Amino acid sequence: MAKDTISFTIIQERAFQAALKRASKQIGSLKTPLKLISDNWYRGEKYVFDLNRKGPGKYADFKNEESRQAKIRAVGFEYPLLVRTGKLMRSVISPTGEGALNKITHTTLIIGTSVKSKKGAPYPLYLQLGTKNMEARPFLFIGPEVANYAGPLKDRPNQWLKILDTFVEQKLNANLDKRF
């Protein structure tokens, strides 16, 4: 795996993979449900950024005052959590945002961001995991941490399974209706 890559395992990953395999065998192309899952993903990420921008704003929790002051000297101000330029945000709240990765094939969905700093550093990775000078500021939520949220993040993997199951059921029912 690349050094600047984040990989997640969802709680029901085996069940989800099995459901994808069954669905693909039963109906072929999964582009439609994968597009719906993609839409669900982007709604959830928009929700994360909207939560962090409400009220006076959550500000970075630096591990020490020296790091905080260095950041202020570097950019001239203290900015709300996760949003300095908005480039990362735009790349994960819309499939057409600059730096967004969104590839849908008949059986695969790849979602992410290719955003890097001006110097080429994978700063989304630094935000997600933290560094020696900065607390983690996660913006991607897929696994058990999602339980802390409501709205479109709540129980994401089960939402995706439901999207897939509903599509397969509708497609199979439509095929049965054609036979009679």
Protein backbone atom coordinates (compact mmCIF):
# COMPACT_ATOMS: atom_id res chain seq x y z
CA MET A 1 0.00 0.00 0.00
CA ALA A 2 1.30 3.51 -0.81
CA LYS A 3 2.74 5.53 2.05
CA ASP A 4 0.19 8.31 1.57
CA THR A 5 -2.89 6.07 1.47
CA ILE A 6 -5.54 5.54 4.12
CA SER A 7 -7.38 2.24 4.09
CA PHE A 8 -10.55 1.51 6.05
CA THR A 9 -12.26 -1.69 7.00
CA ILE A 10 -15.99 -1.47 7.49
CA ILE A 11 -17.64 -3.53 10.20
CA GLN A 12 -19.70 -5.59 7.79
CA GLU A 13 -17.00 -5.73 5.11
CA ARG A 14 -17.36 -9.48 4.55
CA ALA A 15 -21.14 -9.23 4.36
CA PHE A 16 -20.86 -6.26 2.01
CA GLN A 17 -18.32 -8.03 -0.25
CA ALA A 18 -20.50 -11.16 -0.31
CA ALA A 19 -23.57 -9.06 -1.16
CA LEU A 20 -21.67 -7.37 -4.01
CA LYS A 21 -20.55 -10.71 -5.40
CA ARG A 22 -24.09 -12.21 -5.21
CA ALA A 23 -25.64 -9.12 -6.74
CA SER A 24 -23.13 -9.05 -9.58
CA LYS A 25 -23.80 -12.70 -10.38
CA GLN A 26 -27.57 -12.18 -10.28
CA ILE A 27 -27.90 -8.99 -12.27
CA GLY A 28 -24.56 -8.09 -13.86
CA SER A 29 -23.75 -4.39 -13.72
CA LEU A 30 -23.91 -2.70 -10.33
CA LYS A 31 -23.33 0.82 -11.64
CA THR A 32 -26.73 2.07 -10.47
CA PRO A 33 -26.49 0.99 -6.81
CA LEU A 34 -22.81 1.97 -6.70
CA LYS A 35 -23.79 5.45 -7.91
CA LEU A 36 -26.42 5.60 -5.14
CA ILE A 37 -23.81 4.50 -2.58
CA SER A 38 -21.46 7.16 -3.93
CA ASP A 39 -24.20 9.80 -3.52
CA ASN A 40 -24.74 8.60 0.06
CA TRP A 41 -20.99 8.87 0.74
CA TYR A 42 -20.82 12.49 -0.48
CA ARG A 43 -23.91 13.48 1.53
CA GLY A 44 -22.24 12.02 4.62
CA GLU A 45 -18.98 13.85 4.04
CA LYS A 46 -20.85 17.13 3.48
CA TYR A 47 -22.56 16.50 6.82
CA VAL A 48 -19.15 16.14 8.54
CA PHE A 49 -17.92 19.45 7.17
CA ASP A 50 -21.22 21.22 7.92
CA LEU A 51 -21.05 19.99 11.54
CA ASN A 52 -17.56 21.42 11.93
CA ARG A 53 -18.60 24.80 10.54
CA LYS A 54 -21.66 25.40 12.74
CA GLY A 55 -21.46 27.83 15.64
CA PRO A 56 -18.23 29.66 16.38
CA GLY A 57 -16.21 26.88 14.75
CA LYS A 58 -14.08 24.12 16.17
CA TYR A 59 -10.45 25.08 16.10
CA ALA A 60 -7.38 22.88 15.89
CA ASP A 61 -6.24 21.17 19.06
CA PHE A 62 -2.49 21.51 18.72
CA LYS A 63 -0.35 19.30 20.93
CA ASN A 64 1.64 22.32 22.12
CA GLU A 65 1.58 26.11 21.99
CA GLU A 66 4.72 26.22 19.88
CA SER A 67 2.99 24.27 17.09
CA ARG A 68 -0.06 26.54 17.34
CA GLN A 69 2.06 29.69 17.08
CA ALA A 70 4.05 28.25 14.15
CA LYS A 71 0.79 27.63 12.28
CA ILE A 72 -0.42 31.17 12.96
CA ARG A 73 2.91 32.57 11.73
CA ALA A 74 2.72 30.39 8.61
CA VAL A 75 -0.80 31.33 7.55
CA GLY A 76 -1.47 34.51 9.53
CA PHE A 77 -4.56 33.35 11.44
CA GLU A 78 -6.20 30.47 13.24
CA TYR A 79 -8.89 28.85 11.12
CA PRO A 80 -11.77 26.47 11.83
CA LEU A 81 -11.06 22.78 11.96
CA LEU A 82 -10.66 21.12 8.55
CA VAL A 83 -11.22 24.25 6.48
CA ARG A 84 -8.37 26.54 5.54
CA THR A 85 -8.64 26.77 1.76
CA GLY A 86 -11.61 24.45 1.28
CA LYS A 87 -9.80 22.32 -1.32
CA LEU A 88 -9.97 19.11 0.73
CA MET A 89 -13.59 19.77 1.63
CA ARG A 90 -14.59 20.29 -2.00
CA SER A 91 -12.80 17.07 -2.99
CA VAL A 92 -14.79 14.92 -0.56
CA ILE A 93 -18.25 16.53 -0.63
CA SER A 94 -18.75 16.36 -4.39
CA PRO A 95 -17.69 13.80 -6.99
CA THR A 96 -16.81 16.69 -9.30
CA GLY A 97 -14.80 18.71 -6.77
CA GLU A 98 -11.17 19.44 -7.62
CA GLY A 99 -9.09 16.50 -6.40
CA ALA A 100 -12.10 14.20 -5.96
CA LEU A 101 -11.60 10.55 -6.78
CA ASN A 102 -14.81 8.92 -7.92
CA LYS A 103 -14.65 5.94 -10.23
CA ILE A 104 -17.61 3.66 -10.78
CA THR A 105 -17.39 0.55 -12.94
CA HIS A 106 -19.83 -2.35 -13.27
CA THR A 107 -18.53 -3.93 -10.04
CA THR A 108 -16.24 -1.35 -8.36
CA LEU A 109 -16.58 1.98 -6.58
CA ILE A 110 -13.49 4.03 -5.69
CA ILE A 111 -14.03 7.20 -3.68
CA GLY A 112 -11.41 9.46 -2.16
CA THR A 113 -9.27 12.51 -2.58
CA SER A 114 -6.01 13.20 -4.37
CA VAL A 115 -5.49 16.56 -2.62
CA LYS A 116 -1.93 17.33 -1.57
CA SER A 117 -0.23 20.40 -0.14
CA LYS A 118 1.65 22.84 -2.38
CA LYS A 119 4.81 20.90 -1.48
CA GLY A 120 3.18 17.58 -2.41
CA ALA A 121 2.51 16.34 1.14
CA PRO A 122 -0.55 14.12 1.64
CA TYR A 123 -2.15 16.43 4.19
CA PRO A 124 -5.51 14.60 4.22
CA LEU A 125 -3.55 11.69 5.73
CA TYR A 126 -2.07 14.01 8.37
CA LEU A 127 -5.54 15.32 9.24
CA GLN A 128 -7.06 11.86 9.45
CA LEU A 129 -4.31 10.30 11.57
CA GLY A 130 -2.55 13.26 13.23
CA THR A 131 1.16 13.98 13.49
CA LYS A 132 3.67 14.43 16.28
CA ASN A 133 2.64 18.10 16.50
CA MET A 134 -1.06 17.93 15.71
CA GLU A 135 -3.98 15.93 17.04
CA ALA A 136 -5.88 13.88 14.48
CA ARG A 137 -8.76 15.75 12.83
CA PRO A 138 -10.65 12.92 11.13
CA PHE A 139 -12.92 13.76 8.24
CA LEU A 140 -13.57 10.25 6.87
CA PHE A 141 -15.98 8.13 8.88
CA ILE A 142 -16.93 4.62 7.81
CA GLY A 143 -16.47 2.18 10.69
CA PRO A 144 -17.45 2.00 14.36
CA GLU A 145 -16.78 5.72 14.94
CA VAL A 146 -19.88 6.45 12.84
CA ALA A 147 -22.03 5.38 15.82
CA ASN A 148 -21.27 8.79 17.36
CA TYR A 149 -23.08 10.57 14.54
CA ALA A 150 -26.64 10.84 13.38
CA GLY A 151 -27.90 11.88 9.99
CA PRO A 152 -26.41 10.44 6.82
CA LEU A 153 -23.43 8.95 8.67
CA LYS A 154 -25.51 6.75 10.94
CA ASP A 155 -24.90 3.08 10.14
CA ARG A 156 -23.35 3.75 6.72
CA PRO A 157 -22.40 0.17 5.84
CA ASN A 158 -25.95 -1.03 6.53
CA GLN A 159 -27.34 1.83 4.45
CA TRP A 160 -25.11 0.67 1.59
CA LEU A 161 -26.21 -2.95 1.99
CA LYS A 162 -29.83 -1.82 1.91
CA ILE A 163 -29.23 0.19 -1.28
CA LEU A 164 -27.68 -2.86 -2.89
CA ASP A 165 -30.36 -5.30 -1.68
CA THR A 166 -33.20 -3.01 -2.77
CA PHE A 167 -31.71 -2.59 -6.24
CA VAL A 168 -31.19 -6.34 -6.69
CA GLU A 169 -34.72 -7.09 -5.48
CA GLN A 170 -36.25 -4.51 -7.83
CA LYS A 171 -34.17 -5.74 -10.75
CA LEU A 172 -35.05 -9.40 -10.11
CA ASN A 173 -38.75 -8.55 -9.69
CA ALA A 174 -38.68 -6.62 -12.97
CA ASN A 175 -37.14 -9.64 -14.69
CA LEU A 176 -39.82 -11.92 -13.21
CA ASP A 177 -42.58 -9.56 -14.37
CA LYS A 178 -41.21 -9.78 -17.94
CA ARG A 179 -41.57 -13.57 -17.90
CA PHE A 180 -45.28 -13.52 -17.11
